[in-house]
C-alpha atoms as a PDB file:
ATOM      1  CA  MET A   1      -1.727  59.648  37.362  1.00  0.00           C
ATOM      2  CA  ASN A   2      -4.043  58.184  40.008  1.00  0.00           C
ATOM      3  CA  THR A   3      -5.983  54.947  39.785  1.00  0.00           C
ATOM      4  CA  ASP A   4      -9.256  56.614  38.778  1.00  0.00           C
ATOM      5  CA  MET A   5      -7.593  58.393  35.855  1.00  0.00           C
ATOM      6  CA  ILE A   6      -5.977  55.141  34.706  1.00  0.00           C
ATOM      7  CA  LEU A   7      -9.362  53.376  34.807  1.00  0.00           C
ATOM      8  CA  ASP A   8     -11.036  56.239  32.920  1.00  0.00           C
ATOM      9  CA  CYS A   9      -8.376  56.153  30.204  1.00  0.00           C
ATOM     10  CA  GLY A  10      -8.747  52.384  30.050  1.00  0.00           C
ATOM     11  CA  ILE A  11     -12.510  52.603  29.483  1.00  0.00           C
ATOM     12  CA  ILE A  12     -12.102  55.196  26.726  1.00  0.00           C
ATOM     13  CA  SER A  13      -9.281  53.244  25.053  1.00  0.00           C
ATOM     14  CA  ALA A  14     -11.127  49.908  25.170  1.00  0.00           C
ATOM     15  CA  THR A  15     -14.388  51.350  23.827  1.00  0.00           C
ATOM     16  CA  PHE A  16     -12.475  53.268  21.147  1.00  0.00           C
ATOM     17  CA  ILE A  17     -10.805  50.100  19.868  1.00  0.00           C
ATOM     18  CA  LEU A  18     -14.028  48.060  20.005  1.00  0.00           C
ATOM     19  CA  SER A  19     -16.019  50.795  18.275  1.00  0.00           C
ATOM     20  CA  LEU A  20     -13.453  51.211  15.495  1.00  0.00           C
ATOM     21  CA  PHE A  21     -13.271  47.459  14.884  1.00  0.00           C
ATOM     22  CA  LEU A  22     -17.060  47.063  14.893  1.00  0.00           C
ATOM     23  CA  THR A  23     -17.529  50.085  12.627  1.00  0.00           C
ATOM     24  CA  LEU A  24     -15.331  48.382  10.031  1.00  0.00           C
ATOM     25  CA  GLN A  25     -17.366  45.166  10.337  1.00  0.00           C
ATOM     26  CA  VAL A  26     -20.731  46.936  10.252  1.00  0.00           C
ATOM     27  CA  ARG A  27     -19.639  48.880   7.169  1.00  0.00           C
ATOM     28  CA  LYS A  28     -18.847  45.624   5.358  1.00  0.00           C
ATOM     29  CA  PHE A  29     -22.247  44.217   6.362  1.00  0.00           C
ATOM     30  CA  LEU A  30     -24.116  47.330   5.170  1.00  0.00           C
ATOM     31  CA  LEU A  31     -22.259  47.288   1.852  1.00  0.00           C
ATOM     32  CA  ARG A  32     -23.132  43.626   1.302  1.00  0.00           C
ATOM     33  CA  ARG A  33     -26.792  44.370   2.033  1.00  0.00           C
ATOM     34  CA  ALA A  34     -26.683  47.539  -0.105  1.00  0.00           C
ATOM     35  CA  LEU A  35     -28.078  49.574   2.812  1.00  0.00           C
ATOM     36  CA  LEU A  36     -26.903  52.898   1.445  1.00  0.00           C
ATOM     37  CA  ASP A  37     -27.838  56.541   1.865  1.00  0.00           C
ATOM     38  CA  HIS A  38     -28.176  57.828  -1.699  1.00  0.00           C
ATOM     39  CA  PRO A  39     -27.612  61.546  -2.342  1.00  0.00           C
ATOM     40  CA  ASN A  40     -30.677  63.700  -3.063  1.00  0.00           C
ATOM     41  CA  GLU A  41     -31.546  67.390  -3.172  1.00  0.00           C
ATOM     42  CA  ARG A  42     -31.631  67.512   0.653  1.00  0.00           C
ATOM     43  CA  SER A  43     -28.296  65.734   1.185  1.00  0.00           C
ATOM     44  CA  SER A  44     -24.900  67.202   1.974  1.00  0.00           C
ATOM     45  CA  HIS A  45     -23.021  64.175   0.600  1.00  0.00           C
ATOM     46  CA  THR A  46     -22.400  63.325  -3.061  1.00  0.00           C
ATOM     47  CA  VAL A  47     -21.797  59.547  -3.170  1.00  0.00           C
ATOM     48  CA  PRO A  48     -23.870  56.593  -1.850  1.00  0.00           C
ATOM     49  CA  THR A  49     -22.664  55.825   1.687  1.00  0.00           C
ATOM     50  CA  PRO A  50     -23.522  52.963   4.070  1.00  0.00           C
ATOM     51  CA  ARG A  51     -26.113  54.044   6.656  1.00  0.00           C
ATOM     52  CA  GLY A  52     -26.674  52.257   9.959  1.00  0.00           C
ATOM     53  CA  GLY A  53     -23.229  52.579  11.502  1.00  0.00           C
ATOM     54  CA  GLY A  54     -24.861  53.341  14.823  1.00  0.00           C
ATOM     55  CA  TRP A  55     -25.031  49.594  15.399  1.00  0.00           C
ATOM     56  CA  ALA A  56     -21.266  49.576  15.970  1.00  0.00           C
ATOM     57  CA  LEU A  57     -21.695  52.027  18.845  1.00  0.00           C
ATOM     58  CA  LEU A  58     -24.755  50.333  20.321  1.00  0.00           C
ATOM     59  CA  ILE A  59     -23.106  46.903  20.371  1.00  0.00           C
ATOM     60  CA  VAL A  60     -20.579  48.458  22.757  1.00  0.00           C
ATOM     61  CA  LEU A  61     -22.829  50.934  24.583  1.00  0.00           C
ATOM     62  CA  ILE A  62     -25.714  48.675  25.579  1.00  0.00           C
ATOM     63  CA  PRO A  63     -23.568  45.905  27.155  1.00  0.00           C
ATOM     64  CA  GLY A  64     -21.397  48.665  28.643  1.00  0.00           C
ATOM     65  CA  ILE A  65     -24.417  50.252  30.328  1.00  0.00           C
ATOM     66  CA  ILE A  66     -25.640  46.892  31.623  1.00  0.00           C
ATOM     67  CA  LEU A  67     -22.188  45.968  32.953  1.00  0.00           C
ATOM     68  CA  THR A  68     -21.830  49.367  34.625  1.00  0.00           C
ATOM     69  CA  THR A  69     -25.136  49.028  36.461  1.00  0.00           C
ATOM     70  CA  LEU A  70     -24.293  45.496  37.588  1.00  0.00           C
ATOM     71  CA  ILE A  71     -20.876  46.515  38.895  1.00  0.00           C
ATOM     72  CA  GLN A  72     -22.339  49.568  40.640  1.00  0.00           C
ATOM     73  CA  ASP A  73     -25.327  47.545  41.867  1.00  0.00           C
ATOM     74  CA  ASN A  74     -27.921  49.944  40.422  1.00  0.00           C
ATOM     75  CA  PHE A  75     -29.361  47.936  37.526  1.00  0.00           C
ATOM     76  CA  THR A  76     -32.968  48.262  38.733  1.00  0.00           C
ATOM     77  CA  GLU A  77     -32.651  52.029  39.168  1.00  0.00           C
ATOM     78  CA  HIS A  78     -31.475  52.457  35.566  1.00  0.00           C
ATOM     79  CA  LEU A  79     -33.747  49.890  33.944  1.00  0.00           C
ATOM     80  CA  GLY A  80     -35.968  52.624  32.469  1.00  0.00           C
ATOM     81  CA  LEU A  81     -32.986  54.177  30.705  1.00  0.00           C
ATOM     82  CA  LEU A  82     -31.951  50.837  29.232  1.00  0.00           C
ATOM     83  CA  LEU A  83     -35.508  50.101  28.042  1.00  0.00           C
ATOM     84  CA  GLY A  84     -35.632  53.545  26.466  1.00  0.00           C
ATOM     85  CA  VAL A  85     -32.420  52.877  24.527  1.00  0.00           C
ATOM     86  CA  LEU A  86     -33.712  49.509  23.310  1.00  0.00           C
ATOM     87  CA  LEU A  87     -37.038  51.025  22.227  1.00  0.00           C
ATOM     88  CA  LEU A  88     -35.314  53.828  20.318  1.00  0.00           C
ATOM     89  CA  THR A  89     -32.912  51.368  18.695  1.00  0.00           C
ATOM     90  CA  TYR A  90     -35.851  49.317  17.406  1.00  0.00           C
ATOM     91  CA  ILE A  91     -37.911  52.182  15.979  1.00  0.00           C
ATOM     92  CA  SER A  92     -34.873  53.984  14.559  1.00  0.00           C
ATOM     93  CA  TRP A  93     -33.624  50.902  12.709  1.00  0.00           C
ATOM     94  CA  LEU A  94     -37.078  50.473  11.203  1.00  0.00           C
ATOM     95  CA  ASP A  95     -36.955  54.111  10.153  1.00  0.00           C
ATOM     96  CA  ASP A  96     -33.552  53.586   8.520  1.00  0.00           C
ATOM     97  CA  LYS A  97     -34.749  50.541   6.576  1.00  0.00           C
ATOM     98  CA  LYS A  98     -38.217  51.484   5.384  1.00  0.00           C
ATOM     99  CA  GLY A  99     -39.343  54.674   7.074  1.00  0.00           C
ATOM    100  CA  VAL A 100     -41.749  55.290   9.954  1.00  0.00           C
ATOM    101  CA  SER A 101     -44.516  57.878  10.167  1.00  0.00           C
ATOM    102  CA  ALA A 102     -43.676  61.068  12.061  1.00  0.00           C
ATOM    103  CA  VAL A 103     -46.528  60.472  14.518  1.00  0.00           C
ATOM    104  CA  LYS A 104     -45.395  56.932  15.400  1.00  0.00           C
ATOM    105  CA  ARG A 105     -41.773  58.009  15.665  1.00  0.00           C
ATOM    106  CA  LEU A 106     -42.519  60.958  17.956  1.00  0.00           C
ATOM    107  CA  SER A 107     -44.896  58.874  20.091  1.00  0.00           C
ATOM    108  CA  LEU A 108     -42.201  56.300  20.775  1.00  0.00           C
ATOM    109  CA  HIS A 109     -39.638  59.028  21.445  1.00  0.00           C
ATOM    110  CA  ILE A 110     -41.965  60.410  24.116  1.00  0.00           C
ATOM    111  CA  LEU A 111     -42.471  56.902  25.525  1.00  0.00           C
ATOM    112  CA  ALA A 112     -38.691  56.438  25.709  1.00  0.00           C
ATOM    113  CA  ALA A 113     -38.375  59.755  27.547  1.00  0.00           C
ATOM    114  CA  CYS A 114     -41.084  58.610  29.968  1.00  0.00           C
ATOM    115  CA  LEU A 115     -39.159  55.410  30.649  1.00  0.00           C
ATOM    116  CA  GLY A 116     -35.920  57.339  31.087  1.00  0.00           C
ATOM    117  CA  SER A 117     -37.506  59.809  33.485  1.00  0.00           C
ATOM    118  CA  MET A 118     -38.184  56.915  35.877  1.00  0.00           C
ATOM    119  CA  VAL A 119     -34.463  56.952  36.708  1.00  0.00           C
ATOM    120  CA  PHE A 120     -34.844  60.294  38.485  1.00  0.00           C
ATOM    121  CA  THR A 121     -36.201  60.368  42.032  1.00  0.00           C
ATOM    122  CA  PRO A 122     -39.111  62.664  42.966  1.00  0.00           C
ATOM    123  CA  GLU A 123     -36.591  64.974  44.632  1.00  0.00           C
ATOM    124  CA  GLN A 124     -34.688  65.405  41.341  1.00  0.00           C
ATOM    125  CA  THR A 125     -36.542  68.131  39.491  1.00  0.00           C
ATOM    126  CA  LEU A 126     -35.548  70.680  36.851  1.00  0.00           C
ATOM    127  CA  PHE A 127     -36.854  73.751  38.639  1.00  0.00           C
ATOM    128  CA  VAL A 128     -35.892  72.819  42.210  1.00  0.00           C
ATOM    129  CA  GLY A 129     -39.480  72.532  43.449  1.00  0.00           C
ATOM    130  CA  ALA A 130     -40.655  75.836  41.952  1.00  0.00           C
ATOM    131  CA  LEU A 131     -43.246  73.987  39.844  1.00  0.00           C
ATOM    132  CA  PRO A 132     -45.699  71.206  40.701  1.00  0.00           C
ATOM    133  CA  PHE A 133     -44.023  67.821  40.328  1.00  0.00           C
ATOM    134  CA  TRP A 134     -46.292  66.702  37.454  1.00  0.00           C
ATOM    135  CA  LEU A 135     -45.547  69.874  35.463  1.00  0.00           C
ATOM    136  CA  ASP A 136     -41.807  69.640  36.076  1.00  0.00           C
ATOM    137  CA  ARG A 137     -41.799  66.018  34.862  1.00  0.00           C
ATOM    138  CA  ALA A 138     -43.942  66.890  31.824  1.00  0.00           C
ATOM    139  CA  ILE A 139     -41.446  69.589  30.821  1.00  0.00           C
ATOM    140  CA  MET A 140     -38.598  67.108  31.280  1.00  0.00           C
ATOM    141  CA  ILE A 141     -40.242  64.440  29.106  1.00  0.00           C
ATOM    142  CA  ILE A 142     -41.311  66.800  26.327  1.00  0.00           C
ATOM    143  CA  GLY A 143     -37.952  68.558  26.353  1.00  0.00           C
ATOM    144  CA  TRP A 144     -36.104  65.231  26.262  1.00  0.00           C
ATOM    145  CA  ALA A 145     -38.181  63.974  23.316  1.00  0.00           C
ATOM    146  CA  TRP A 146     -37.579  67.265  21.511  1.00  0.00           C
ATOM    147  CA  PHE A 147     -33.829  66.983  22.162  1.00  0.00           C
ATOM    148  CA  ILE A 148     -33.793  63.454  20.715  1.00  0.00           C
ATOM    149  CA  ASN A 149     -35.391  64.744  17.522  1.00  0.00           C
ATOM    150  CA  LEU A 150     -33.172  67.796  17.130  1.00  0.00           C
ATOM    151  CA  TYR A 151     -30.122  65.566  17.653  1.00  0.00           C
ATOM    152  CA  ASN A 152     -31.318  63.432  14.768  1.00  0.00           C
ATOM    153  CA  PHE A 153     -32.120  66.411  12.537  1.00  0.00           C
ATOM    154  CA  MET A 154     -28.690  67.935  13.204  1.00  0.00           C
ATOM    155  CA  ASP A 155     -26.941  64.779  11.978  1.00  0.00           C
ATOM    156  CA  GLY A 156     -26.494  66.127   8.462  1.00  0.00           C
ATOM    157  CA  ILE A 157     -22.755  66.348   7.718  1.00  0.00           C
ATOM    158  CA  ASP A 158     -19.716  64.157   8.269  1.00  0.00           C
ATOM    159  CA  GLY A 159     -18.567  63.889  11.865  1.00  0.00           C
ATOM    160  CA  ILE A 160     -20.988  66.360  13.430  1.00  0.00           C
ATOM    161  CA  THR A 161     -22.892  64.005  15.742  1.00  0.00           C
ATOM    162  CA  SER A 162     -19.787  62.207  16.979  1.00  0.00           C
ATOM    163  CA  VAL A 163     -18.106  65.539  17.715  1.00  0.00           C
ATOM    164  CA  GLU A 164     -21.186  66.918  19.480  1.00  0.00           C
ATOM    165  CA  THR A 165     -21.563  63.766  21.578  1.00  0.00           C
ATOM    166  CA  ILE A 166     -17.906  63.856  22.628  1.00  0.00           C
ATOM    167  CA  SER A 167     -18.264  67.555  23.487  1.00  0.00           C
ATOM    168  CA  LEU A 168     -21.411  67.061  25.571  1.00  0.00           C
ATOM    169  CA  ALA A 169     -20.003  63.984  27.317  1.00  0.00           C
ATOM    170  CA  THR A 170     -16.795  65.849  28.154  1.00  0.00           C
ATOM    171  CA  GLY A 171     -18.720  68.887  29.357  1.00  0.00           C
ATOM    172  CA  THR A 172     -21.018  66.772  31.496  1.00  0.00           C
ATOM    173  CA  CYS A 173     -18.071  64.983  33.082  1.00  0.00           C
ATOM    174  CA  LEU A 174     -16.302  68.277  33.844  1.00  0.00           C
ATOM    175  CA  LEU A 175     -19.468  69.775  35.346  1.00  0.00           C
ATOM    176  CA  LEU A 176     -19.864  66.746  37.622  1.00  0.00           C
ATOM    177  CA  SER A 177     -16.298  67.221  38.798  1.00  0.00           C
ATOM    178  CA  ALA A 178     -16.544  71.016  39.182  1.00  0.00           C
ATOM    179  CA  THR A 179     -19.745  70.806  41.229  1.00  0.00           C
ATOM    180  CA  ASN A 180     -18.513  67.875  43.355  1.00  0.00           C
ATOM    181  CA  ILE A 181     -21.547  65.833  42.288  1.00  0.00           C
ATOM    182  CA  SER A 182     -21.006  62.128  42.858  1.00  0.00           C
ATOM    183  CA  ASP A 183     -22.763  60.188  40.107  1.00  0.00           C
ATOM    184  CA  PRO A 184     -20.639  57.156  39.158  1.00  0.00           C
ATOM    185  CA  PHE A 185     -23.137  55.940  36.548  1.00  0.00           C
ATOM    186  CA  VAL A 186     -23.260  59.211  34.585  1.00  0.00           C
ATOM    187  CA  SER A 187     -19.478  59.583  34.873  1.00  0.00           C
ATOM    188  CA  THR A 188     -18.971  56.125  33.362  1.00  0.00           C
ATOM    189  CA  LEU A 189     -21.601  56.787  30.703  1.00  0.00           C
ATOM    190  CA  THR A 190     -19.706  59.888  29.539  1.00  0.00           C
ATOM    191  CA  LEU A 191     -16.552  57.775  29.152  1.00  0.00           C
ATOM    192  CA  LEU A 192     -18.424  55.128  27.144  1.00  0.00           C
ATOM    193  CA  LEU A 193     -19.957  57.761  24.867  1.00  0.00           C
ATOM    194  CA  THR A 194     -16.592  59.438  24.315  1.00  0.00           C
ATOM    195  CA  GLY A 195     -14.815  56.199  23.479  1.00  0.00           C
ATOM    196  CA  VAL A 196     -17.368  54.802  21.023  1.00  0.00           C
ATOM    197  CA  CYS A 197     -17.747  58.130  19.210  1.00  0.00           C
ATOM    198  CA  LEU A 198     -13.979  58.553  18.862  1.00  0.00           C
ATOM    199  CA  GLY A 199     -13.800  55.088  17.311  1.00  0.00           C
ATOM    200  CA  PHE A 200     -16.665  55.783  14.922  1.00  0.00           C
ATOM    201  CA  LEU A 201     -15.252  59.200  14.016  1.00  0.00           C
ATOM    202  CA  VAL A 202     -12.236  57.572  12.358  1.00  0.00           C
ATOM    203  CA  LEU A 203     -14.475  56.393   9.487  1.00  0.00           C
ATOM    204  CA  ASN A 204     -17.100  59.134   9.816  1.00  0.00           C
ATOM    205  CA  TRP A 205     -14.695  62.065   9.427  1.00  0.00           C
ATOM    206  CA  HIS A 206     -14.889  63.842   6.071  1.00  0.00           C
ATOM    207  CA  PRO A 207     -15.111  62.259   3.581  1.00  0.00           C
ATOM    208  CA  ALA A 208     -17.271  59.840   5.568  1.00  0.00           C
ATOM    209  CA  LYS A 209     -17.128  56.151   4.715  1.00  0.00           C
ATOM    210  CA  ILE A 210     -20.166  55.359   6.872  1.00  0.00           C
ATOM    211  CA  PHE A 211     -23.103  57.216   8.451  1.00  0.00           C
ATOM    212  CA  LEU A 212     -24.691  56.695  11.862  1.00  0.00           C
ATOM    213  CA  GLY A 213     -28.240  56.592  10.529  1.00  0.00           C
ATOM    214  CA  ASP A 214     -31.198  57.133  12.861  1.00  0.00           C
ATOM    215  CA  VAL A 215     -30.194  53.967  14.729  1.00  0.00           C
ATOM    216  CA  GLY A 216     -27.108  55.865  15.868  1.00  0.00           C
ATOM    217  CA  SER A 217     -28.104  59.516  16.191  1.00  0.00           C
ATOM    218  CA  VAL A 218     -31.398  58.920  18.039  1.00  0.00           C
ATOM    219  CA  PRO A 219     -30.012  56.734  20.896  1.00  0.00           C
ATOM    220  CA  LEU A 220     -27.017  59.078  21.188  1.00  0.00           C
ATOM    221  CA  GLY A 221     -29.382  62.021  21.568  1.00  0.00           C
ATOM    222  CA  PHE A 222     -31.282  60.090  24.239  1.00  0.00           C
ATOM    223  CA  LEU A 223     -28.165  59.217  26.241  1.00  0.00           C
ATOM    224  CA  THR A 224     -26.509  62.629  25.995  1.00  0.00           C
ATOM    225  CA  GLY A 225     -29.848  64.150  26.977  1.00  0.00           C
ATOM    226  CA  PHE A 226     -29.864  61.924  30.055  1.00  0.00           C
ATOM    227  CA  GLY A 227     -26.432  63.187  31.038  1.00  0.00           C
ATOM    228  CA  LEU A 228     -27.536  66.814  30.701  1.00  0.00           C
ATOM    229  CA  LEU A 229     -30.711  66.145  32.692  1.00  0.00           C
ATOM    230  CA  SER A 230     -28.641  64.525  35.438  1.00  0.00           C
ATOM    231  CA  ILE A 231     -26.766  67.819  35.805  1.00  0.00           C
ATOM    232  CA  ALA A 232     -29.963  69.891  35.548  1.00  0.00           C
ATOM    233  CA  THR A 233     -31.818  67.925  38.226  1.00  0.00           C
ATOM    234  CA  LYS A 234     -28.995  68.519  40.688  1.00  0.00           C
ATOM    235  CA  GLY A 235     -29.526  72.274  40.694  1.00  0.00           C
ATOM    236  CA  HIS A 236     -27.530  73.253  37.602  1.00  0.00           C
ATOM    237  CA  LEU A 237     -30.140  73.755  34.885  1.00  0.00           C
ATOM    238  CA  ILE A 238     -28.437  76.727  33.184  1.00  0.00           C
ATOM    239  CA  PRO A 239     -24.995  75.071  32.821  1.00  0.00           C
ATOM    240  CA  ALA A 240     -26.776  71.992  31.424  1.00  0.00           C
ATOM    241  CA  LEU A 241     -28.524  74.176  28.826  1.00  0.00           C
ATOM    242  CA  ILE A 242     -25.323  76.021  27.920  1.00  0.00           C
ATOM    243  CA  LEU A 243     -23.446  72.880  26.829  1.00  0.00           C
ATOM    244  CA  PRO A 244     -25.725  72.089  23.805  1.00  0.00           C
ATOM    245  CA  LEU A 245     -26.525  75.767  23.090  1.00  0.00           C
ATOM    246  CA  TYR A 246     -25.208  75.676  19.512  1.00  0.00           C
ATOM    247  CA  TYR A 247     -27.480  72.736  18.653  1.00  0.00           C
ATOM    248  CA  LEU A 248     -30.413  74.399  20.407  1.00  0.00           C
ATOM    249  CA  ALA A 249     -29.856  77.686  18.563  1.00  0.00           C
ATOM    250  CA  ASP A 250     -29.250  76.266  15.076  1.00  0.00           C
ATOM    251  CA  SER A 251     -32.209  73.884  15.232  1.00  0.00           C
ATOM    252  CA  GLY A 252     -34.496  76.347  17.011  1.00  0.00           C
ATOM    253  CA  ILE A 253     -33.899  79.235  14.609  1.00  0.00           C
ATOM    254  CA  THR A 254     -34.163  76.970  11.561  1.00  0.00           C
ATOM    255  CA  ILE A 255     -37.413  75.325  12.705  1.00  0.00           C
ATOM    256  CA  THR A 256     -38.932  78.703  13.527  1.00  0.00           C
ATOM    257  CA  LYS A 257     -38.076  80.079  10.086  1.00  0.00           C
ATOM    258  CA  ARG A 258     -39.475  77.002   8.359  1.00  0.00           C
ATOM    259  CA  ALA A 259     -42.676  77.087  10.421  1.00  0.00           C
ATOM    260  CA  MET A 260     -43.189  80.759   9.555  1.00  0.00           C
ATOM    261  CA  ARG A 261     -42.911  79.840   5.858  1.00  0.00           C
ATOM    262  CA  GLY A 262     -45.549  77.136   6.325  1.00  0.00           C
ATOM    263  CA  GLU A 263     -43.145  74.243   5.658  1.00  0.00           C
ATOM    264  CA  LYS A 264     -43.454  70.796   7.241  1.00  0.00           C
ATOM    265  CA  ILE A 265     -40.873  71.074   9.994  1.00  0.00           C
ATOM    266  CA  TRP A 266     -40.628  67.289  10.522  1.00  0.00           C
ATOM    267  CA  GLN A 267     -39.405  66.646   6.970  1.00  0.00           C
ATOM    268  CA  ALA A 268     -35.730  66.427   6.041  1.00  0.00           C
ATOM    269  CA  HIS A 269     -34.166  69.559   4.566  1.00  0.00           C
ATOM    270  CA  ARG A 270     -30.847  71.353   4.064  1.00  0.00           C
ATOM    271  CA  GLN A 271     -31.514  74.687   5.730  1.00  0.00           C
ATOM    272  CA  HIS A 272     -29.588  74.441   9.005  1.00  0.00           C
ATOM    273  CA  PHE A 273     -26.756  76.939   9.410  1.00  0.00           C
ATOM    274  CA  TYR A 274     -24.123  74.186   9.276  1.00  0.00           C
ATOM    275  CA  GLN A 275     -25.639  72.701   6.106  1.00  0.00           C
ATOM    276  CA  GLN A 276     -25.693  76.071   4.387  1.00  0.00           C
ATOM    277  CA  ALA A 277     -22.068  76.633   5.428  1.00  0.00           C
ATOM    278  CA  VAL A 278     -21.057  73.335   3.804  1.00  0.00           C
ATOM    279  CA  VAL A 279     -22.800  74.411   0.592  1.00  0.00           C
ATOM    280  CA  GLY A 280     -20.757  77.598   0.666  1.00  0.00           C
ATOM    281  CA  ILE A 281     -17.270  76.247   1.449  1.00  0.00           C
ATOM    282  CA  LYS A 282     -17.642  72.613   0.240  1.00  0.00           C
ATOM    283  CA  ARG A 283     -15.821  71.289   3.307  1.00  0.00           C
ATOM    284  CA  HIS A 284     -17.565  69.273   6.007  1.00  0.00           C
ATOM    285  CA  ASP A 285     -14.439  69.037   8.162  1.00  0.00           C
ATOM    286  CA  LYS A 286     -13.877  72.796   8.255  1.00  0.00           C
ATOM    287  CA  VAL A 287     -17.428  73.442   9.467  1.00  0.00           C
ATOM    288  CA  VAL A 288     -17.154  70.693  12.096  1.00  0.00           C
ATOM    289  CA  ASN A 289     -13.879  72.215  13.304  1.00  0.00           C
ATOM    290  CA  TRP A 290     -15.727  75.533  13.832  1.00  0.00           C
ATOM    291  CA  ILE A 291     -18.280  73.644  15.923  1.00  0.00           C
ATOM    292  CA  ILE A 292     -15.491  72.061  17.990  1.00  0.00           C
ATOM    293  CA  TYR A 293     -14.056  75.499  18.802  1.00  0.00           C
ATOM    294  CA  ALA A 294     -17.512  76.799  19.749  1.00  0.00           C
ATOM    295  CA  ASN A 295     -18.180  73.742  21.928  1.00  0.00           C
ATOM    296  CA  ILE A 296     -14.930  74.289  23.809  1.00  0.00           C
ATOM    297  CA  SER A 297     -16.123  77.841  24.528  1.00  0.00           C
ATOM    298  CA  LEU A 298     -19.500  76.475  25.666  1.00  0.00           C
ATOM    299  CA  ILE A 299     -17.846  74.021  28.065  1.00  0.00           C
ATOM    300  CA  ILE A 300     -15.849  76.906  29.554  1.00  0.00           C
ATOM    301  CA  ALA A 301     -19.015  79.031  29.718  1.00  0.00           C
ATOM    302  CA  ALA A 302     -20.910  76.242  31.510  1.00  0.00           C
ATOM    303  CA  LEU A 303     -18.115  75.991  34.082  1.00  0.00           C
ATOM    304  CA  PHE A 304     -18.201  79.785  34.558  1.00  0.00           C
ATOM    305  CA  ALA A 305     -21.966  79.624  35.069  1.00  0.00           C
ATOM    306  CA  ILE A 306     -21.598  77.462  38.181  1.00  0.00           C
ATOM    307  CA  ASP A 307     -20.331  80.421  40.228  1.00  0.00           C
ATOM    308  CA  CYS A 308     -21.018  83.404  37.950  1.00  0.00           C
ATOM    309  CA  LEU A 309     -24.254  82.789  36.072  1.00  0.00           C
ATOM    310  CA  TRP A 310     -24.315  85.920  33.917  1.00  0.00           C
ATOM    311  CA  MET A 311     -20.697  85.581  32.858  1.00  0.00           C
ATOM    312  CA  GLY A 312     -21.373  82.022  31.723  1.00  0.00           C
ATOM    313  CA  ILE A 313     -24.508  83.010  29.828  1.00  0.00           C
ATOM    314  CA  THR A 314     -22.727  85.954  28.154  1.00  0.00           C
ATOM    315  CA  VAL A 315     -19.761  83.837  27.006  1.00  0.00           C
ATOM    316  CA  ALA A 316     -22.139  81.155  25.698  1.00  0.00           C
ATOM    317  CA  VAL A 317     -24.409  83.534  23.764  1.00  0.00           C
ATOM    318  CA  VAL A 318     -21.482  85.417  22.229  1.00  0.00           C
ATOM    319  CA  SER A 319     -19.743  82.155  21.227  1.00  0.00           C
ATOM    320  CA  VAL A 320     -22.850  80.779  19.484  1.00  0.00           C
ATOM    321  CA  ALA A 321     -23.628  84.126  17.839  1.00  0.00           C
ATOM    322  CA  ILE A 322     -20.110  84.295  16.392  1.00  0.00           C
ATOM    323  CA  LEU A 323     -20.398  80.726  15.075  1.00  0.00           C
ATOM    324  CA  LEU A 324     -23.818  81.269  13.473  1.00  0.00           C
ATOM    325  CA  ARG A 325     -22.626  84.545  11.946  1.00  0.00           C
ATOM    326  CA  LYS A 326     -19.543  82.849  10.532  1.00  0.00           C
ATOM    327  CA  MET A 327     -21.673  80.074   9.033  1.00  0.00           C
ATOM    328  CA  HIS A 328     -24.186  82.539   7.602  1.00  0.00           C
ATOM    329  CA  LYS A 329     -21.450  84.568   5.891  1.00  0.00           C
ATOM    330  CA  THR A 330     -20.384  81.521   3.856  1.00  0.00           C
ATOM    331  CA  VAL A 331     -23.815  81.143   2.217  1.00  0.00           C
ATOM    332  CA  PRO A 332     -23.391  81.836  -1.521  1.00  0.00           C
END
């Protein structure tokens, strides 16, 4: 085991331990303050559960990001990303406590994406110069804001967001390695995300003893989105889209169906494929395990897509189709 691998394992282990310890402390605080997510007709849980566990992750992630930029001497370059995280933390915690209007929430999500986009140089574009710079950046910002929201909407059963974040962080790290892209900041960020989510998952696995809340799922969506965009802007847009393909498909199909029925797509619901599967089999952990298997296939597909684009796309589409079909068949 070389020095780099030892350091990587050390970062994951340290953030895992810190995250687990802080999750226990945050849970006690939320219970004392009675900040609970009470079951309703749109919920997939059955007992009141502390909500706001994302603070345990952020208390590790934000200092970790700052320390990383200081060590790597690129704090100024990543200031927009840090400001975006802080902005999303603020608005999401307000949303957890008393609710925020959809317009205000989306506006600030777009602002955070604008701040985050400042990290990328003018040469780093999604479509490799095929579009005017302003249009390329507009697509990036709107797509990033959309990804933040779908990440939040998909946080509906025990363990799903932690598992998805670990999967995307792992996939991003492997893509960086496979493409010989040198990006020390993104590499370290994937390790931080993996460690904190593993620590949180201990108490968030079914039956969950604590929920992330918006204060957790929204910043995680922002940071994982940044990792994917870092891959995309280095000439690997398709592999970057393959990694979160299950989330994109489940949310996209569900939103489309709801819009066609004239429903308010920004309101909470229980119509995602994974939510319907939980209704059918009554097991959050079993459904999340299916997602893990699919995500492993998507990571492999993304790696295939580097050298053989159509093979990667085919493996990805088939993997997601099988998962969605399996979930749909469980609906009573």
